[in-house]
N, C-alpha and C. Protein backbone atom coordinates (compact mmCIF):
# COMPACT_ATOMS: atom_id res chain seq x y z
N MET A 1 71.80 105.39 84.38
CA MET A 1 73.02 105.35 85.17
C MET A 1 74.05 106.26 84.52
N THR A 2 74.57 107.20 85.26
CA THR A 2 75.56 108.12 84.73
C THR A 2 76.96 107.60 85.07
N SER A 3 77.88 107.79 84.14
CA SER A 3 79.25 107.36 84.40
C SER A 3 80.04 108.56 84.93
N ARG A 4 80.91 108.25 85.84
CA ARG A 4 81.74 109.31 86.41
C ARG A 4 82.91 109.63 85.49
N LYS A 5 83.31 110.89 85.52
CA LYS A 5 84.50 111.27 84.76
C LYS A 5 85.72 110.70 85.46
N LYS A 6 86.66 110.22 84.68
CA LYS A 6 87.87 109.62 85.25
C LYS A 6 89.03 110.61 85.14
N VAL A 7 89.79 110.68 86.21
CA VAL A 7 90.92 111.59 86.28
C VAL A 7 92.14 110.76 86.75
N LEU A 8 93.29 110.97 86.13
CA LEU A 8 94.54 110.36 86.58
C LEU A 8 95.41 111.43 87.22
N LEU A 9 95.79 111.20 88.45
CA LEU A 9 96.62 112.15 89.19
C LEU A 9 97.91 111.44 89.56
N LYS A 10 99.03 112.00 89.13
CA LYS A 10 100.34 111.41 89.45
C LYS A 10 101.02 112.27 90.48
N VAL A 11 101.43 111.63 91.60
CA VAL A 11 102.07 112.32 92.70
C VAL A 11 103.47 111.75 92.86
N ILE A 12 104.48 112.58 92.85
CA ILE A 12 105.86 112.14 93.05
C ILE A 12 106.36 112.76 94.36
N ILE A 13 106.85 111.89 95.25
CA ILE A 13 107.38 112.33 96.54
C ILE A 13 108.90 112.18 96.47
N LEU A 14 109.62 113.27 96.57
CA LEU A 14 111.08 113.27 96.50
C LEU A 14 111.66 113.63 97.85
N GLY A 15 112.84 113.09 98.16
CA GLY A 15 113.48 113.47 99.40
C GLY A 15 114.69 112.62 99.70
N ASP A 16 115.40 112.98 100.74
CA ASP A 16 116.58 112.25 101.15
C ASP A 16 116.19 110.85 101.67
N SER A 17 117.19 109.99 101.73
CA SER A 17 116.99 108.62 102.21
C SER A 17 116.60 108.61 103.68
N GLY A 18 115.64 107.77 104.04
CA GLY A 18 115.27 107.57 105.44
C GLY A 18 114.35 108.59 106.05
N VAL A 19 113.77 109.49 105.26
CA VAL A 19 112.89 110.54 105.83
C VAL A 19 111.44 110.15 105.93
N GLY A 20 111.02 109.03 105.27
CA GLY A 20 109.65 108.55 105.40
C GLY A 20 108.76 108.70 104.19
N LYS A 21 109.34 108.83 103.02
CA LYS A 21 108.54 109.00 101.79
C LYS A 21 107.63 107.79 101.56
N THR A 22 108.21 106.60 101.60
CA THR A 22 107.43 105.37 101.38
C THR A 22 106.44 105.16 102.53
N SER A 23 106.81 105.47 103.75
CA SER A 23 105.89 105.34 104.89
C SER A 23 104.69 106.27 104.74
N LEU A 24 104.91 107.48 104.26
CA LEU A 24 103.84 108.42 104.04
C LEU A 24 102.88 107.90 102.98
N MET A 25 103.42 107.34 101.89
CA MET A 25 102.56 106.73 100.87
C MET A 25 101.78 105.56 101.42
N ASN A 26 102.43 104.67 102.18
CA ASN A 26 101.74 103.51 102.75
C ASN A 26 100.62 103.92 103.68
N MET A 27 100.84 104.95 104.49
CA MET A 27 99.79 105.41 105.39
C MET A 27 98.60 105.93 104.62
N TYR A 28 98.82 106.68 103.55
CA TYR A 28 97.71 107.25 102.79
C TYR A 28 97.00 106.19 101.94
N VAL A 29 97.73 105.32 101.29
CA VAL A 29 97.13 104.36 100.37
C VAL A 29 96.61 103.12 101.11
N ASN A 30 97.44 102.54 101.98
CA ASN A 30 97.09 101.27 102.62
C ASN A 30 96.64 101.39 104.08
N LYS A 31 96.77 102.59 104.66
CA LYS A 31 96.45 102.82 106.08
C LYS A 31 97.23 101.87 106.98
N ARG A 32 98.51 101.67 106.63
CA ARG A 32 99.40 100.81 107.42
C ARG A 32 100.73 101.54 107.64
N PHE A 33 101.33 101.26 108.79
CA PHE A 33 102.66 101.81 109.10
C PHE A 33 103.54 100.68 109.58
N SER A 34 104.77 100.65 109.12
CA SER A 34 105.73 99.65 109.54
C SER A 34 106.89 100.35 110.23
N ASN A 35 107.29 99.83 111.37
CA ASN A 35 108.45 100.38 112.09
C ASN A 35 109.77 99.90 111.48
N GLN A 36 109.71 98.91 110.61
CA GLN A 36 110.94 98.39 110.00
C GLN A 36 111.37 99.28 108.84
N TYR A 37 112.64 99.61 108.81
CA TYR A 37 113.19 100.45 107.74
C TYR A 37 113.80 99.56 106.68
N LYS A 38 113.36 99.75 105.45
CA LYS A 38 113.95 99.05 104.33
C LYS A 38 114.12 100.09 103.23
N ALA A 39 115.38 100.34 102.87
CA ALA A 39 115.65 101.37 101.88
C ALA A 39 115.03 101.03 100.52
N THR A 40 114.42 102.01 99.89
CA THR A 40 113.86 101.82 98.56
C THR A 40 114.98 101.90 97.52
N ILE A 41 115.04 100.89 96.68
CA ILE A 41 116.01 100.90 95.58
C ILE A 41 115.26 101.31 94.33
N GLY A 42 115.66 102.39 93.72
CA GLY A 42 114.93 102.89 92.53
C GLY A 42 113.75 103.74 92.96
N ALA A 43 112.54 103.18 92.74
CA ALA A 43 111.31 103.93 93.09
C ALA A 43 110.28 102.96 93.62
N ASP A 44 109.36 103.49 94.43
CA ASP A 44 108.24 102.74 95.01
C ASP A 44 106.96 103.29 94.39
N PHE A 45 106.01 102.41 94.00
CA PHE A 45 104.77 102.84 93.39
C PHE A 45 103.58 102.29 94.15
N LEU A 46 102.57 103.10 94.39
CA LEU A 46 101.30 102.67 94.97
C LEU A 46 100.18 103.42 94.26
N THR A 47 99.02 102.79 94.21
CA THR A 47 97.86 103.40 93.53
C THR A 47 96.65 103.37 94.46
N ARG A 48 95.87 104.44 94.45
CA ARG A 48 94.63 104.52 95.21
C ARG A 48 93.57 105.16 94.35
N GLU A 49 92.35 104.64 94.43
CA GLU A 49 91.23 105.24 93.71
C GLU A 49 90.30 105.89 94.72
N LEU A 50 89.81 107.07 94.40
CA LEU A 50 88.89 107.77 95.28
C LEU A 50 87.96 108.62 94.42
N VAL A 51 86.85 109.04 95.02
CA VAL A 51 85.87 109.89 94.31
C VAL A 51 85.98 111.30 94.88
N VAL A 52 86.21 112.26 93.98
CA VAL A 52 86.28 113.66 94.35
C VAL A 52 85.35 114.45 93.43
N GLN A 53 84.38 115.12 94.02
CA GLN A 53 83.39 115.92 93.27
C GLN A 53 82.81 115.11 92.10
N ASP A 54 82.35 113.92 92.40
CA ASP A 54 81.72 113.01 91.45
C ASP A 54 82.65 112.60 90.30
N ARG A 55 83.95 112.64 90.53
CA ARG A 55 84.93 112.16 89.57
C ARG A 55 85.71 111.02 90.19
N LEU A 56 85.93 109.96 89.42
CA LEU A 56 86.76 108.86 89.87
C LEU A 56 88.22 109.24 89.62
N VAL A 57 88.97 109.40 90.70
CA VAL A 57 90.36 109.81 90.60
C VAL A 57 91.25 108.61 90.89
N THR A 58 92.12 108.30 89.95
CA THR A 58 93.13 107.27 90.16
C THR A 58 94.41 108.02 90.49
N MET A 59 94.90 107.78 91.70
CA MET A 59 96.09 108.50 92.18
C MET A 59 97.26 107.53 92.15
N GLN A 60 98.26 107.82 91.32
CA GLN A 60 99.46 107.02 91.26
C GLN A 60 100.53 107.75 92.05
N CYS A 61 101.00 107.12 93.10
CA CYS A 61 102.01 107.72 93.97
C CYS A 61 103.36 107.05 93.72
N MET A 62 104.40 107.84 93.65
CA MET A 62 105.73 107.32 93.48
C MET A 62 106.67 108.03 94.45
N SER A 63 107.48 107.24 95.17
CA SER A 63 108.49 107.87 96.03
C SER A 63 109.86 107.52 95.43
N LYS A 64 110.72 108.50 95.46
CA LYS A 64 112.02 108.35 94.83
C LYS A 64 113.07 109.05 95.67
N PHE A 65 114.18 108.35 95.87
CA PHE A 65 115.33 108.93 96.58
C PHE A 65 115.92 110.03 95.73
N LEU A 66 116.15 111.17 96.34
CA LEU A 66 116.67 112.34 95.64
C LEU A 66 118.14 112.51 95.98
N LEU A 67 118.97 112.45 94.96
CA LEU A 67 120.41 112.70 95.16
C LEU A 67 120.66 114.19 95.16
N THR A 68 121.36 114.67 96.16
CA THR A 68 121.65 116.11 96.23
C THR A 68 123.13 116.36 96.08
């Protein structure tokens, strides 16, 4: 039995309030969409594991409100 190489990928989504950063993460990680808007205070974190070219990739997603 061969073990897969593990890779950690960190993705940060930045943007203005209310544009859908957390919704985008939820669709990709959980395959769910909510019509209810709830402002993120601080940062939102989600994790997804997937296999890419025989490597186990742990994808840590973070959405953060960007002050301009």
